[in-house]
Structure formats: C-alpha cells, structure tokens
Amino acid sequence: MAENDNKEVTKQPGILSQEQDAVLDLYIQHLDGIFEEMKMSEKLQVEIETQHLKRILTK
C-alpha cells in the first residue's frame, strides 16, 4: 500500500459536482488523519508494552 501513497488519483470529469468532490476530499483527509493517529497510538502501545516487559525481565 505504501507504493500508492504518492500517486495522484485521476478523476473522471462529471461524476461528482465540485461541491461533492470537495466534501469527498475533506472526508478522505479526515480519514487519513484518523489512520495516522491510529498508527501513532499503536507505536505508543508497543513502546509501553516493551518498557513494561523490560521492567519485568530486569527484576
């Protein structure tokens, strides 16, 4: 999926109105933001669990 991150999607003219297209773009940006937050949350959770396991193992 990473290989598609920088590719621009070509749009067919006339399928959506300009307003619908703008709303769709905002929605996609919002979803991208949520996805990035989820990735950061997962990284943080892994770090917390790693630190916890290190403490258990050093006791």
C-alpha atoms as a PDB file:
ATOM      1  CA  MET A   1       0.000   0.000   0.000  1.00  0.00           C
ATOM      2  CA  ALA A   2       2.930   2.330   0.611  1.00  0.00           C
ATOM      3  CA  GLU A   3       3.743   2.394  -3.083  1.00  0.00           C
ATOM      4  CA  ASN A   4       0.403   4.127  -3.822  1.00  0.00           C
ATOM      5  CA  ASP A   5       0.857   6.873  -1.194  1.00  0.00           C
ATOM      6  CA  ASN A   6       2.412   9.402  -3.553  1.00  0.00           C
ATOM      7  CA  LYS A   7       0.394   8.626  -6.664  1.00  0.00           C
ATOM      8  CA  GLU A   8      -2.284  11.073  -7.660  1.00  0.00           C
ATOM      9  CA  VAL A   9      -5.676   9.608  -8.467  1.00  0.00           C
ATOM     10  CA  THR A  10      -7.033  10.684 -11.834  1.00  0.00           C
ATOM     11  CA  LYS A  11     -10.640  11.810 -11.653  1.00  0.00           C
ATOM     12  CA  GLN A  12     -13.232  11.318 -14.325  1.00  0.00           C
ATOM     13  CA  PRO A  13     -14.982  14.591 -15.089  1.00  0.00           C
ATOM     14  CA  GLY A  14     -18.689  14.891 -14.394  1.00  0.00           C
ATOM     15  CA  ILE A  15     -19.158  12.089 -11.862  1.00  0.00           C
ATOM     16  CA  LEU A  16     -19.313  14.413  -8.841  1.00  0.00           C
ATOM     17  CA  SER A  17     -20.178  18.057  -8.573  1.00  0.00           C
ATOM     18  CA  GLN A  18     -17.396  20.391  -7.422  1.00  0.00           C
ATOM     19  CA  GLU A  19     -19.025  20.611  -4.001  1.00  0.00           C
ATOM     20  CA  GLN A  20     -19.309  16.828  -3.681  1.00  0.00           C
ATOM     21  CA  ASP A  21     -15.698  16.448  -4.791  1.00  0.00           C
ATOM     22  CA  ALA A  22     -14.563  18.983  -2.189  1.00  0.00           C
ATOM     23  CA  VAL A  23     -16.532  17.207   0.550  1.00  0.00           C
ATOM     24  CA  LEU A  24     -15.070  13.868  -0.545  1.00  0.00           C
ATOM     25  CA  ASP A  25     -11.551  15.311  -0.439  1.00  0.00           C
ATOM     26  CA  LEU A  26     -12.136  16.646   3.083  1.00  0.00           C
ATOM     27  CA  TYR A  27     -13.531  13.290   4.177  1.00  0.00           C
ATOM     28  CA  ILE A  28     -10.511  11.456   2.773  1.00  0.00           C
ATOM     29  CA  GLN A  29      -8.180  13.900   4.543  1.00  0.00           C
ATOM     30  CA  HIS A  30     -10.094  13.266   7.768  1.00  0.00           C
ATOM     31  CA  LEU A  31      -9.778   9.500   7.325  1.00  0.00           C
ATOM     32  CA  ASP A  32      -6.055   9.892   6.612  1.00  0.00           C
ATOM     33  CA  GLY A  33      -5.719  11.827   9.870  1.00  0.00           C
ATOM     34  CA  ILE A  34      -7.547   9.118  11.806  1.00  0.00           C
ATOM     35  CA  PHE A  35      -5.348   6.436  10.237  1.00  0.00           C
ATOM     36  CA  GLU A  36      -2.177   8.349  11.169  1.00  0.00           C
ATOM     37  CA  GLU A  37      -3.444   8.749  14.751  1.00  0.00           C
ATOM     38  CA  MET A  38      -4.118   5.010  14.912  1.00  0.00           C
ATOM     39  CA  LYS A  39      -0.595   4.239  13.699  1.00  0.00           C
ATOM     40  CA  MET A  40       0.899   6.580  16.306  1.00  0.00           C
ATOM     41  CA  SER A  41      -1.293   5.064  19.008  1.00  0.00           C
ATOM     42  CA  GLU A  42      -0.159   1.579  18.039  1.00  0.00           C
ATOM     43  CA  LYS A  43       3.502   2.641  18.152  1.00  0.00           C
ATOM     44  CA  LEU A  44       2.970   4.146  21.595  1.00  0.00           C
ATOM     45  CA  GLN A  45       1.241   0.993  22.827  1.00  0.00           C
ATOM     46  CA  VAL A  46       4.116  -1.158  21.578  1.00  0.00           C
ATOM     47  CA  GLU A  47       6.616   1.105  23.347  1.00  0.00           C
ATOM     48  CA  ILE A  48       4.643   0.924  26.613  1.00  0.00           C
ATOM     49  CA  GLU A  49       4.446  -2.863  26.420  1.00  0.00           C
ATOM     50  CA  THR A  50       8.156  -3.111  25.581  1.00  0.00           C
ATOM     51  CA  GLN A  51       9.118  -0.971  28.567  1.00  0.00           C
ATOM     52  CA  HIS A  52       6.819  -2.981  30.807  1.00  0.00           C
ATOM     53  CA  LEU A  53       8.364  -6.270  29.666  1.00  0.00           C
ATOM     54  CA  LYS A  54      11.881  -4.864  30.160  1.00  0.00           C
ATOM     55  CA  ARG A  55      10.994  -3.973  33.768  1.00  0.00           C
ATOM     56  CA  ILE A  56       9.591  -7.428  34.395  1.00  0.00           C
ATOM     57  CA  LEU A  57      12.685  -9.103  32.958  1.00  0.00           C
ATOM     58  CA  THR A  58      15.142  -6.959  34.944  1.00  0.00           C
ATOM     59  CA  LYS A  59      13.532  -7.787  38.299  1.00  0.00           C
END
